[in-house]
Amino acid sequence: MQLKGFGILEKKKRAEHIRAYLTIQSLPGKGIQVMVSVERS
């Protein structure tokens, strides 16, 4: 079976491409928080 999609590394590359920061936090039993931060010009 082949999965198609974007993994964490691909998401990080995409964020860097737009000069953004990707932060992922995971806590057992609490879920996952994904944040993309972009500075305004």
N, C-alpha and C. Protein backbone atom coordinates (compact mmCIF):
# COMPACT_ATOMS: atom_id res chain seq x y z
N MET A 1 0.84 -1.17 0.00
CA MET A 1 0.00 0.00 0.00
C MET A 1 0.89 1.24 0.00
N GLN A 2 0.59 2.18 -0.87
CA GLN A 2 1.36 3.41 -0.93
C GLN A 2 0.47 4.56 -0.46
N LEU A 3 0.98 5.30 0.51
CA LEU A 3 0.24 6.45 1.03
C LEU A 3 0.69 7.70 0.30
N LYS A 4 -0.26 8.53 -0.07
CA LYS A 4 0.06 9.80 -0.70
C LYS A 4 -0.29 10.91 0.27
N GLY A 5 0.52 11.94 0.28
CA GLY A 5 0.25 13.06 1.18
C GLY A 5 1.53 13.77 1.52
N PHE A 6 1.45 14.62 2.50
CA PHE A 6 2.60 15.43 2.90
C PHE A 6 2.96 15.08 4.33
N GLY A 7 4.19 14.61 4.49
CA GLY A 7 4.67 14.30 5.83
C GLY A 7 5.16 15.54 6.53
N ILE A 8 5.65 15.36 7.72
CA ILE A 8 6.12 16.48 8.54
C ILE A 8 7.26 17.21 7.85
N LEU A 9 8.20 16.49 7.27
CA LEU A 9 9.33 17.16 6.61
C LEU A 9 8.87 18.00 5.43
N GLU A 10 7.92 17.50 4.67
CA GLU A 10 7.39 18.27 3.54
C GLU A 10 6.66 19.52 4.01
N LYS A 11 5.93 19.40 5.10
CA LYS A 11 5.24 20.57 5.66
C LYS A 11 6.25 21.62 6.12
N LYS A 12 7.36 21.16 6.72
CA LYS A 12 8.41 22.08 7.16
C LYS A 12 9.03 22.79 5.96
N LYS A 13 9.30 22.06 4.90
CA LYS A 13 9.87 22.66 3.68
C LYS A 13 8.92 23.71 3.11
N ARG A 14 7.63 23.40 3.10
CA ARG A 14 6.65 24.37 2.58
C ARG A 14 6.60 25.62 3.44
N ALA A 15 6.68 25.45 4.75
CA ALA A 15 6.69 26.61 5.65
C ALA A 15 7.93 27.46 5.41
N GLU A 16 9.08 26.83 5.28
CA GLU A 16 10.32 27.56 5.04
C GLU A 16 10.26 28.31 3.72
N HIS A 17 9.60 27.74 2.74
CA HIS A 17 9.47 28.37 1.42
C HIS A 17 8.76 29.72 1.51
N ILE A 18 7.83 29.85 2.44
CA ILE A 18 7.11 31.12 2.60
C ILE A 18 7.65 31.91 3.81
N ARG A 19 8.86 31.54 4.24
CA ARG A 19 9.53 32.20 5.37
C ARG A 19 8.70 32.14 6.65
N ALA A 20 8.18 30.96 6.91
CA ALA A 20 7.37 30.72 8.11
C ALA A 20 8.07 29.69 8.99
N TYR A 21 7.55 29.55 10.20
CA TYR A 21 8.06 28.55 11.15
C TYR A 21 6.96 27.55 11.43
N LEU A 22 7.30 26.28 11.40
CA LEU A 22 6.37 25.21 11.70
C LEU A 22 6.73 24.62 13.06
N THR A 23 5.77 24.58 13.96
CA THR A 23 5.98 24.01 15.29
C THR A 23 4.93 22.93 15.51
N ILE A 24 5.37 21.77 15.94
CA ILE A 24 4.46 20.66 16.23
C ILE A 24 4.72 20.19 17.64
N GLN A 25 3.65 20.14 18.44
CA GLN A 25 3.75 19.65 19.81
C GLN A 25 2.76 18.51 19.98
N SER A 26 3.20 17.46 20.64
CA SER A 26 2.35 16.30 20.88
C SER A 26 2.49 15.86 22.34
N LEU A 27 1.36 15.69 22.99
CA LEU A 27 1.35 15.19 24.35
C LEU A 27 0.42 13.99 24.43
N PRO A 28 0.89 12.88 24.99
CA PRO A 28 0.05 11.69 25.10
C PRO A 28 -1.28 12.01 25.80
N GLY A 29 -2.36 11.61 25.17
CA GLY A 29 -3.68 11.83 25.73
C GLY A 29 -4.22 13.24 25.55
N LYS A 30 -3.40 14.13 25.00
CA LYS A 30 -3.82 15.53 24.83
C LYS A 30 -3.99 15.91 23.37
N GLY A 31 -3.41 15.14 22.45
CA GLY A 31 -3.52 15.45 21.03
C GLY A 31 -2.27 16.12 20.48
N ILE A 32 -2.43 16.68 19.30
CA ILE A 32 -1.31 17.31 18.60
C ILE A 32 -1.69 18.75 18.27
N GLN A 33 -0.74 19.64 18.45
CA GLN A 33 -0.93 21.04 18.10
C GLN A 33 0.07 21.37 17.00
N VAL A 34 -0.44 21.87 15.88
CA VAL A 34 0.40 22.27 14.75
C VAL A 34 0.22 23.76 14.56
N MET A 35 1.35 24.50 14.58
CA MET A 35 1.31 25.95 14.42
C MET A 35 2.24 26.37 13.29
N VAL A 36 1.75 27.28 12.46
CA VAL A 36 2.59 27.89 11.43
C VAL A 36 2.59 29.38 11.72
N SER A 37 3.78 29.94 11.93
CA SER A 37 3.92 31.36 12.24
C SER A 37 4.58 32.07 11.07
N VAL A 38 3.96 33.17 10.63
CA VAL A 38 4.49 33.95 9.52
C VAL A 38 4.58 35.40 9.96
N GLU A 39 5.75 36.02 9.75
CA GLU A 39 5.89 37.44 10.07
C GLU A 39 5.34 38.27 8.93
N ARG A 40 4.67 39.34 9.28
CA ARG A 40 4.17 40.26 8.26
C ARG A 40 5.28 41.22 7.88
N SER A 41 5.31 41.60 6.64
CA SER A 41 6.31 42.56 6.17
C SER A 41 5.94 43.96 6.56
